[in-house]
Amino acid sequence: MSLMHIFLLAVVVLMIFLLGGVSLPFCFAASLAFLVYVADVAVGSLFLYSFNQMISMTLLAVPMFLIAGTLVSDSGIAERLLDVANIFVGKIKGSIGVICVVTCGFIGAISGSAFTGIAAIGPVMIPRMEKEGYERGFATALVSSASVLGMLIPPSSATILYGWATGASILAGFVSTVVPGILVIITFSLINIYYARKHHNPQLVYETAEKSDEAGNKTESLSKKKIIIRALPALSMPVIILGGIYGGIFTPSEAASVAAFVALVIGIFFYKTLTPKPLLKVFKDSANSIGGIFTMIFFCYMLSQALVILRIPQQLVQVFMSITDNKYIMLIIVNLFLLCVGMIASDTVGIVLCAPLLLPIVQSYGIDPIHFCAIMIVNLAAGGLTPPYASVMYFGMKVGNCKFSEVLKPTMQLLFIGYLPVMILTTYIEPISMFLPRLLGLV
């Protein structure tokens, strides 16, 4: 049996366990066990290599971003960002949906996670959008879809993992997804405005700055100046994080710790929402998630290294070159492959497992590693919305209290009309992802 056949069988084993609903770490452990048994790979060296990778300072960013995202969700930061977004787009028909999308972009610049946007924005905005005439399914789909901006707007934990797995510049990777992220904000906002006009909704304005008593009388009205002043601690987060990274004050990995610390300070001392009991729950939930993620990454990296030992990446390059020497046809194949990976596994799995395998292939066709970083992240971000995995969509359904049938159609509309064109542009028009890194001298 050839090594390529063994590799394909290992992939089949992985797919069977994934589709069978087995916990992710055990899925990779099963595929690894198959490779070790059939190809006689030395498991001791894999353990040592994976352990050395796991103690990397770069990887420390993952749990810290997770903690930062949880703190942002529970600290009141999201509500202040919503109020500020309303000042700038509140007069647009369908503005409440635009505010959702823009605020998810703000939160993406803080948390580096897709789930944070849903947890922070969903409970506030979905009921409000329904009250203003949106179907609950569309409102939930819009919040869920816009939350993938957490992977595109820097800093992103997905980009840090890509840099860790491939050795590419993390700073350049951060910047490479900025333009695709802005394009997604624009396309989702336009789709939302079209939806509002089509359903003849009145002008929809988010009004959290105004509160009413039980008789409906307004009891508080804040001026734009007061809204901005109240939101300054929340607005300081992306400024501190991005300014610190690009100003050379701290590294991208350290930025995750800074984000968690700043969110903690804001929640305790400014908005006074993080009391001891909520804080205990934040750290307990984060610890559970971190344990599962790091166990998965450990086995995933062992599997990836086993494939490298067996020279699978080099053989895949030869297979691709034998299929086509056309870069654009190859990119179609890679896009389809990444979409399939995203449909059955998380972005973390996709990056750690696939980046070391695919990067030699795309480089052989003359594609820059930073351009491929943008391609990979934009593709895998869509996986959170595409069944059967669709973890972002399922989480949105839970927060929005919606059925699968209510959310699926509007999510697919946003995905195919708003997101797919951005994915195609990012893949085939290199300056979309490479203009800013080159402008800033990062590549």
Protein backbone atom coordinates (compact mmCIF):
# COMPACT_ATOMS: atom_id res chain seq x y z
CA MET A 1 0.00 0.00 0.00
CA SER A 2 1.45 3.39 -1.03
CA LEU A 3 1.82 6.29 1.40
CA MET A 4 -0.79 8.29 -0.51
CA HIS A 5 -3.31 5.47 -0.08
CA ILE A 6 -2.49 5.34 3.62
CA PHE A 7 -3.02 9.12 3.84
CA LEU A 8 -6.41 8.86 2.13
CA LEU A 9 -7.48 6.07 4.49
CA ALA A 10 -6.38 8.19 7.47
CA VAL A 11 -8.58 10.99 6.14
CA VAL A 12 -11.48 8.54 5.82
CA VAL A 13 -10.99 7.43 9.44
CA LEU A 14 -11.00 11.09 10.53
CA MET A 15 -14.20 11.81 8.57
CA ILE A 16 -16.00 8.77 9.97
CA PHE A 17 -15.26 9.83 13.55
CA LEU A 18 -16.13 13.48 12.86
CA LEU A 19 -19.46 12.66 11.22
CA GLY A 20 -20.15 10.16 13.99
CA GLY A 21 -20.19 12.98 16.51
CA VAL A 22 -17.11 11.83 18.42
CA SER A 23 -15.31 14.52 20.44
CA LEU A 24 -12.74 16.31 18.26
CA PRO A 25 -9.57 15.29 20.18
CA PHE A 26 -10.52 11.61 19.87
CA CYS A 27 -11.22 12.02 16.14
CA PHE A 28 -7.64 13.11 15.53
CA ALA A 29 -6.30 10.54 17.97
CA ALA A 30 -8.06 7.79 15.98
CA SER A 31 -6.64 9.00 12.66
CA LEU A 32 -3.21 9.30 14.25
CA ALA A 33 -3.44 5.79 15.71
CA PHE A 34 -4.24 4.45 12.24
CA LEU A 35 -1.16 6.17 10.75
CA VAL A 36 1.10 4.98 13.55
CA TYR A 37 -0.10 1.39 13.19
CA VAL A 38 -0.15 1.15 9.38
CA ALA A 39 2.81 3.37 8.43
CA ASP A 40 4.92 2.51 11.49
CA VAL A 41 5.49 6.12 12.55
CA ALA A 42 7.49 6.56 15.78
CA VAL A 43 4.88 7.89 18.20
CA GLY A 44 7.47 8.95 20.79
CA SER A 45 8.98 11.57 18.48
CA LEU A 46 5.48 12.87 17.68
CA PHE A 47 4.74 13.39 21.39
CA LEU A 48 8.01 15.23 21.90
CA TYR A 49 7.53 17.44 18.83
CA SER A 50 3.93 18.29 19.70
CA PHE A 51 4.84 19.09 23.30
CA ASN A 52 7.59 21.47 22.16
CA GLN A 53 5.09 23.22 19.90
CA MET A 54 2.47 23.46 22.65
CA ILE A 55 4.75 25.44 24.98
CA SER A 56 5.07 28.18 22.36
CA MET A 57 4.33 31.71 23.61
CA THR A 58 2.44 32.31 20.36
CA LEU A 59 -0.10 29.63 21.22
CA LEU A 60 -0.80 31.32 24.55
CA ALA A 61 -2.84 33.88 22.59
CA VAL A 62 -5.63 31.34 22.01
CA PRO A 63 -6.82 30.95 25.63
CA MET A 64 -6.28 34.64 26.36
CA PHE A 65 -8.44 35.68 23.39
CA LEU A 66 -11.06 33.21 24.57
CA ILE A 67 -11.07 34.78 28.04
CA ALA A 68 -11.13 38.28 26.52
CA GLY A 69 -14.12 37.39 24.37
CA THR A 70 -16.05 36.02 27.32
CA LEU A 71 -15.28 39.13 29.37
CA VAL A 72 -16.45 41.38 26.51
CA SER A 73 -19.73 39.47 26.36
CA ASP A 74 -20.45 39.94 30.07
CA SER A 75 -19.01 43.39 30.76
CA GLY A 76 -21.43 45.74 28.97
CA ILE A 77 -18.83 46.72 26.37
CA ALA A 78 -21.03 45.51 23.49
CA GLU A 79 -24.01 47.66 24.52
CA ARG A 80 -21.85 50.82 24.52
CA LEU A 81 -20.48 49.96 21.08
CA LEU A 82 -24.04 49.51 19.81
CA ASP A 83 -24.96 52.99 21.02
CA VAL A 84 -21.98 54.54 19.23
CA ALA A 85 -22.72 52.68 16.00
CA ASN A 86 -26.28 54.02 16.15
CA ILE A 87 -24.98 57.60 16.07
CA PHE A 88 -23.37 57.06 12.67
CA VAL A 89 -25.90 54.83 10.87
CA GLY A 90 -29.10 55.33 12.90
CA LYS A 91 -30.80 57.41 10.20
CA ILE A 92 -30.58 54.72 7.51
CA LYS A 93 -33.70 52.71 6.79
CA GLY A 94 -32.97 49.31 8.26
CA SER A 95 -30.28 50.87 10.42
CA ILE A 96 -30.72 48.42 13.28
CA GLY A 97 -29.34 45.63 11.08
CA VAL A 98 -26.46 47.81 9.89
CA ILE A 99 -25.68 48.57 13.54
CA CYS A 100 -25.52 44.81 14.22
CA VAL A 101 -23.02 44.26 11.42
CA VAL A 102 -20.83 47.27 12.26
CA THR A 103 -20.76 46.40 15.97
CA CYS A 104 -19.71 42.83 15.18
CA GLY A 105 -16.79 44.42 13.33
CA PHE A 106 -15.92 46.44 16.45
CA ILE A 107 -16.07 43.31 18.60
CA GLY A 108 -13.93 41.48 16.07
CA ALA A 109 -11.23 44.08 16.74
CA ILE A 110 -11.38 43.16 20.43
CA SER A 111 -12.03 39.46 20.83
CA GLY A 112 -10.68 37.64 17.75
CA SER A 113 -13.60 35.18 17.93
CA ALA A 114 -16.84 34.63 16.01
CA PHE A 115 -18.75 33.41 19.05
CA THR A 116 -18.20 36.59 21.06
CA GLY A 117 -20.24 38.68 18.65
CA ILE A 118 -23.24 36.39 18.99
CA ALA A 119 -22.98 36.13 22.77
CA ALA A 120 -22.59 39.89 23.19
CA ILE A 121 -24.93 41.23 20.48
CA GLY A 122 -27.54 38.51 20.03
CA PRO A 123 -29.44 38.76 23.35
CA VAL A 124 -29.77 42.55 22.92
CA MET A 125 -30.41 42.94 19.20
CA ILE A 126 -32.40 39.91 18.07
CA PRO A 127 -35.48 40.70 20.22
CA ARG A 128 -35.16 44.38 19.29
CA MET A 129 -35.01 43.60 15.55
CA GLU A 130 -38.03 41.32 15.84
CA LYS A 131 -39.94 44.10 17.61
CA GLU A 132 -39.08 46.47 14.76
CA GLY A 133 -40.50 44.17 12.08
CA TYR A 134 -37.72 41.73 11.24
CA GLU A 135 -38.45 38.03 11.09
CA ARG A 136 -36.70 36.39 14.02
CA GLY A 137 -34.98 33.92 11.70
CA PHE A 138 -33.45 36.70 9.58
CA ALA A 139 -32.39 38.67 12.66
CA THR A 140 -30.66 35.61 14.10
CA ALA A 141 -29.04 34.79 10.75
CA LEU A 142 -27.74 38.35 10.37
CA VAL A 143 -26.16 38.43 13.83
CA SER A 144 -24.66 34.94 13.36
CA SER A 145 -23.28 35.68 9.89
CA ALA A 146 -21.83 39.06 10.88
CA SER A 147 -20.09 37.43 13.83
CA VAL A 148 -17.61 35.72 11.49
CA LEU A 149 -16.03 39.19 11.27
CA GLY A 150 -14.32 38.19 14.51
CA MET A 151 -12.04 36.04 12.36
CA LEU A 152 -11.46 38.71 9.70
CA ILE A 153 -11.03 41.95 11.64
CA PRO A 154 -7.65 41.93 13.42
CA PRO A 155 -6.45 40.78 15.82
CA SER A 156 -7.67 37.27 15.10
CA SER A 157 -6.74 34.09 16.93
CA ALA A 158 -7.09 32.23 13.61
CA THR A 159 -4.34 34.37 12.08
CA ILE A 160 -2.09 33.76 15.08
CA LEU A 161 -2.58 30.01 14.66
CA TYR A 162 -1.76 30.27 10.95
CA GLY A 163 1.46 32.13 11.71
CA TRP A 164 2.32 29.59 14.41
CA ALA A 165 1.68 26.62 12.11
CA THR A 166 3.47 28.00 9.02
CA GLY A 167 6.04 30.48 10.29
CA ALA A 168 4.44 33.32 8.30
CA SER A 169 4.32 36.88 9.63
CA ILE A 170 1.41 37.25 12.04
CA LEU A 171 1.31 41.03 11.66
CA ALA A 172 1.06 40.76 7.87
CA GLY A 173 -1.61 38.08 8.27
CA PHE A 174 -3.64 40.39 10.51
CA VAL A 175 -3.64 43.13 7.89
CA SER A 176 -4.35 40.78 4.97
CA THR A 177 -7.96 40.19 6.09
CA VAL A 178 -8.86 43.83 6.82
CA VAL A 179 -10.15 44.65 3.31
CA PRO A 180 -12.13 41.37 3.02
CA GLY A 181 -13.63 42.16 6.45
CA ILE A 182 -14.68 45.65 5.34
CA LEU A 183 -16.18 44.22 2.16
CA VAL A 184 -18.22 41.74 4.22
CA ILE A 185 -19.50 44.59 6.41
CA ILE A 186 -20.61 46.46 3.27
CA THR A 187 -22.28 43.49 1.56
CA PHE A 188 -24.14 42.34 4.68
CA SER A 189 -25.29 45.90 5.39
CA LEU A 190 -26.61 46.28 1.83
CA ILE A 191 -28.47 42.97 2.03
CA ASN A 192 -30.02 44.07 5.32
CA ILE A 193 -31.14 47.42 3.85
CA TYR A 194 -32.69 45.62 0.87
CA TYR A 195 -34.50 43.29 3.28
CA ALA A 196 -35.88 46.27 5.26
CA ARG A 197 -37.16 48.00 2.12
CA LYS A 198 -38.62 44.80 0.67
CA HIS A 199 -40.60 44.10 3.84
CA HIS A 200 -41.75 47.73 4.03
CA ASN A 201 -40.34 48.19 7.51
CA PRO A 202 -40.40 51.71 8.94
CA GLN A 203 -37.15 53.48 9.66
CA LEU A 204 -35.54 51.21 12.20
CA VAL A 205 -33.40 52.98 14.76
CA TYR A 206 -31.69 51.41 17.73
CA GLU A 207 -32.72 53.44 20.78
CA THR A 208 -30.92 52.02 23.80
CA ALA A 209 -29.84 55.53 24.71
CA GLU A 210 -33.49 56.30 25.52
CA LYS A 211 -35.30 54.45 28.28
CA SER A 212 -39.01 54.48 29.06
CA ASP A 213 -41.00 53.81 32.19
CA GLU A 214 -43.96 51.41 32.31
CA ALA A 215 -46.32 54.15 31.00
CA GLY A 216 -44.11 54.63 27.97
CA ASN A 217 -42.74 58.03 29.01
CA LYS A 218 -39.09 58.68 28.24
CA THR A 219 -37.11 58.89 31.45
CA GLU A 220 -33.62 59.33 30.04
CA SER A 221 -32.23 60.73 26.84
CA LEU A 222 -28.52 60.92 26.22
CA SER A 223 -26.92 63.34 23.79
CA LYS A 224 -24.48 62.06 21.22
CA LYS A 225 -21.67 63.57 23.25
CA LYS A 226 -22.72 61.72 26.40
CA ILE A 227 -23.14 58.45 24.50
CA ILE A 228 -19.60 58.73 23.16
CA ILE A 229 -18.17 59.69 26.55
CA ARG A 230 -19.93 56.72 28.17
CA ALA A 231 -18.54 54.44 25.46
CA LEU A 232 -14.95 55.72 25.60
CA PRO A 233 -13.70 52.80 27.76
CA ALA A 234 -15.19 50.32 25.26
CA LEU A 235 -13.85 52.27 22.28
CA SER A 236 -10.40 52.34 23.87
CA MET A 237 -10.05 48.56 23.54
CA PRO A 238 -9.44 48.28 19.77
CA VAL A 239 -7.27 51.41 19.93
CA ILE A 240 -5.08 49.98 22.72
CA ILE A 241 -4.85 46.52 21.16
CA LEU A 242 -4.22 47.50 17.53
CA GLY A 243 -2.14 50.54 18.46
CA GLY A 244 0.01 48.42 20.75
CA ILE A 245 0.55 45.73 18.12
CA TYR A 246 1.43 48.00 15.21
CA GLY A 247 3.24 50.47 17.43
CA GLY A 248 5.61 47.72 18.52
CA ILE A 249 4.63 48.02 22.20
CA PHE A 250 3.64 44.36 22.48
CA THR A 251 3.50 41.30 20.26
CA PRO A 252 0.30 39.84 18.74
CA SER A 253 0.41 37.06 21.32
CA GLU A 254 0.77 39.54 24.15
CA ALA A 255 -2.13 41.53 22.68
CA ALA A 256 -4.51 38.74 23.70
CA SER A 257 -3.46 39.09 27.33
CA VAL A 258 -3.77 42.86 27.09
CA ALA A 259 -7.28 42.49 25.64
CA ALA A 260 -8.33 40.23 28.53
CA PHE A 261 -6.83 42.58 31.11
CA VAL A 262 -8.40 45.72 29.61
CA ALA A 263 -11.83 44.03 29.36
CA LEU A 264 -11.50 42.97 32.99
CA VAL A 265 -10.62 46.50 34.14
CA ILE A 266 -13.44 48.07 32.11
CA GLY A 267 -16.01 45.58 33.39
CA ILE A 268 -15.00 45.95 37.05
CA PHE A 269 -14.13 49.63 37.43
CA PHE A 270 -15.95 51.49 34.64
CA TYR A 271 -19.21 49.62 33.95
CA LYS A 272 -19.23 47.70 37.26
CA THR A 273 -20.84 44.64 35.66
CA LEU A 274 -18.18 42.06 36.51
CA THR A 275 -18.93 41.19 40.12
CA PRO A 276 -17.27 38.14 41.78
CA LYS A 277 -20.03 35.65 40.84
CA PRO A 278 -20.09 36.45 37.07
CA LEU A 279 -16.28 36.52 37.06
CA LEU A 280 -16.11 33.04 38.56
CA LYS A 281 -18.45 31.75 35.85
CA VAL A 282 -16.37 33.46 33.13
CA PHE A 283 -13.14 31.80 34.26
CA LYS A 284 -14.80 28.41 34.85
CA ASP A 285 -16.38 28.34 31.36
CA SER A 286 -13.15 29.56 29.79
CA ALA A 287 -11.12 26.86 31.55
CA ASN A 288 -13.43 24.13 30.24
CA SER A 289 -13.18 25.45 26.68
CA ILE A 290 -9.42 25.92 26.84
CA GLY A 291 -8.86 22.35 28.03
CA GLY A 292 -10.83 20.90 25.13
CA ILE A 293 -9.20 23.17 22.54
CA PHE A 294 -5.63 22.46 23.66
CA THR A 295 -6.19 18.71 23.80
CA MET A 296 -7.51 18.89 20.25
CA ILE A 297 -4.57 21.01 19.06
CA PHE A 298 -2.10 18.58 20.66
CA PHE A 299 -3.44 15.55 18.76
CA CYS A 300 -4.00 17.63 15.64
CA TYR A 301 -0.37 18.73 15.61
CA MET A 302 0.81 15.14 16.18
CA LEU A 303 -1.23 14.06 13.16
CA SER A 304 0.10 16.94 11.06
CA GLN A 305 3.70 16.09 11.98
CA ALA A 306 3.13 12.42 11.17
CA LEU A 307 2.02 13.47 7.68
CA VAL A 308 5.13 15.63 7.32
CA ILE A 309 7.35 12.69 8.33
CA LEU A 310 5.66 10.58 5.67
CA ARG A 311 6.35 13.38 3.11
CA ILE A 312 2.66 13.71 2.31
CA PRO A 313 2.88 17.49 1.55
CA GLN A 314 5.51 16.87 -1.13
CA GLN A 315 3.42 14.09 -2.66
CA LEU A 316 0.34 16.32 -2.65
CA VAL A 317 2.32 18.96 -4.55
CA GLN A 318 3.17 16.36 -7.19
CA VAL A 319 -0.47 15.25 -7.40
CA PHE A 320 -1.69 18.83 -7.87
CA MET A 321 1.00 19.57 -10.48
CA SER A 322 -0.02 16.44 -12.39
CA ILE A 323 -3.66 17.58 -12.39
CA THR A 324 -3.08 21.14 -13.61
CA ASP A 325 -0.34 23.72 -13.93
CA ASN A 326 -2.93 26.52 -13.98
CA LYS A 327 -2.85 28.55 -10.76
CA TYR A 328 -6.51 29.56 -10.97
CA ILE A 329 -7.81 26.03 -11.44
CA MET A 330 -5.65 24.96 -8.50
CA LEU A 331 -7.17 27.75 -6.38
CA ILE A 332 -10.66 26.49 -7.25
CA ILE A 333 -9.67 23.04 -5.98
CA VAL A 334 -8.15 24.51 -2.80
CA ASN A 335 -11.24 26.66 -2.19
CA LEU A 336 -13.55 23.68 -2.52
CA PHE A 337 -11.31 21.64 -0.24
CA LEU A 338 -11.26 24.35 2.45
CA LEU A 339 -15.03 24.77 2.22
CA CYS A 340 -15.45 21.03 2.76
CA VAL A 341 -13.05 21.14 5.73
CA GLY A 342 -14.99 24.07 7.18
CA MET A 343 -18.24 22.11 6.86
CA ILE A 344 -17.00 19.33 9.14
CA ALA A 345 -14.46 20.94 11.48
CA SER A 346 -13.64 24.21 13.24
CA ASP A 347 -11.37 26.91 11.85
CA THR A 348 -8.76 25.95 14.47
CA VAL A 349 -8.68 22.38 13.20
CA GLY A 350 -8.60 23.50 9.58
CA ILE A 351 -5.66 25.84 10.10
CA VAL A 352 -3.50 23.60 12.31
CA LEU A 353 -4.05 20.52 10.17
CA CYS A 354 -4.32 21.93 6.63
CA ALA A 355 -2.01 24.97 6.57
CA PRO A 356 1.25 22.95 6.72
CA LEU A 357 -0.11 20.58 4.04
CA LEU A 358 -1.48 23.16 1.61
CA LEU A 359 1.11 25.93 1.90
CA PRO A 360 3.83 24.03 -0.08
CA ILE A 361 1.25 23.40 -2.80
CA VAL A 362 0.18 27.03 -3.24
CA GLN A 363 3.78 28.26 -2.98
CA SER A 364 4.71 25.97 -5.86
CA TYR A 365 2.20 27.97 -7.93
CA GLY A 366 3.73 31.29 -6.89
CA ILE A 367 1.14 32.29 -4.25
CA ASP A 368 2.45 34.33 -1.32
CA PRO A 369 1.98 32.78 2.16
CA ILE A 370 0.24 35.97 3.37
CA HIS A 371 -2.19 35.90 0.45
CA PHE A 372 -2.88 32.27 1.28
CA CYS A 373 -3.45 33.25 4.91
CA ALA A 374 -6.31 35.52 3.79
CA ILE A 375 -7.68 32.83 1.45
CA MET A 376 -7.62 30.24 4.21
CA ILE A 377 -9.21 32.34 6.91
CA VAL A 378 -11.95 33.75 4.66
CA ASN A 379 -12.80 30.24 3.47
CA LEU A 380 -12.73 28.57 6.88
CA ALA A 381 -14.76 31.37 8.49
CA ALA A 382 -17.63 30.38 6.21
CA GLY A 383 -17.49 26.87 7.70
CA GLY A 384 -19.06 28.20 10.88
CA LEU A 385 -22.22 28.88 8.85
CA THR A 386 -22.33 25.80 6.65
CA PRO A 387 -23.89 22.53 7.91
CA PRO A 388 -23.24 19.93 9.13
CA TYR A 389 -20.59 21.62 11.37
CA ALA A 390 -22.03 25.20 11.33
CA SER A 391 -21.04 25.85 14.95
CA VAL A 392 -21.55 29.62 14.64
CA MET A 393 -25.04 29.19 13.16
CA TYR A 394 -26.04 26.63 15.81
CA PHE A 395 -24.83 28.93 18.58
CA GLY A 396 -26.80 31.77 17.00
CA MET A 397 -29.92 29.57 16.94
CA LYS A 398 -29.48 28.90 20.65
CA VAL A 399 -29.07 32.58 21.51
CA GLY A 400 -31.90 33.67 19.20
CA ASN A 401 -34.18 30.82 20.27
CA CYS A 402 -34.86 29.89 16.63
CA LYS A 403 -35.47 26.67 14.76
CA PHE A 404 -33.04 25.37 12.16
CA SER A 405 -35.66 25.81 9.43
CA GLU A 406 -36.09 29.50 10.32
CA VAL A 407 -32.39 30.34 10.22
CA LEU A 408 -31.06 28.18 7.37
CA LYS A 409 -32.56 30.06 4.38
CA PRO A 410 -31.55 33.62 5.42
CA THR A 411 -28.11 32.38 6.48
CA MET A 412 -27.54 30.78 3.08
CA GLN A 413 -28.74 33.98 1.36
CA LEU A 414 -26.26 36.06 3.32
CA LEU A 415 -23.55 33.49 2.67
CA PHE A 416 -24.03 33.16 -1.09
CA ILE A 417 -25.01 36.75 -1.92
CA GLY A 418 -22.88 38.64 0.58
CA TYR A 419 -19.98 36.40 1.60
CA LEU A 420 -19.17 34.20 -1.42
CA PRO A 421 -18.34 37.17 -3.71
CA VAL A 422 -15.86 38.45 -1.09
CA MET A 423 -14.34 34.96 -0.88
CA ILE A 424 -13.89 34.85 -4.65
CA LEU A 425 -12.41 38.35 -4.80
CA THR A 426 -9.98 37.55 -1.97
CA THR A 427 -8.85 34.39 -3.73
CA TYR A 428 -8.37 35.70 -7.26
CA ILE A 429 -7.55 39.39 -6.83
CA GLU A 430 -4.32 39.41 -4.84
CA PRO A 431 -4.20 43.18 -4.02
CA ILE A 432 -7.36 42.83 -1.91
CA SER A 433 -5.36 40.93 0.70
CA MET A 434 -1.84 42.12 -0.14
CA PHE A 435 -2.28 45.88 -0.63
CA LEU A 436 -2.17 46.82 3.07
CA PRO A 437 0.67 44.44 4.07
CA ARG A 438 2.78 45.86 1.24
CA LEU A 439 1.79 49.43 2.02
CA LEU A 440 2.90 48.96 5.64
CA GLY A 441 6.11 47.20 4.59
CA LEU A 442 5.17 43.93 6.29
CA VAL A 443 5.93 41.75 3.24
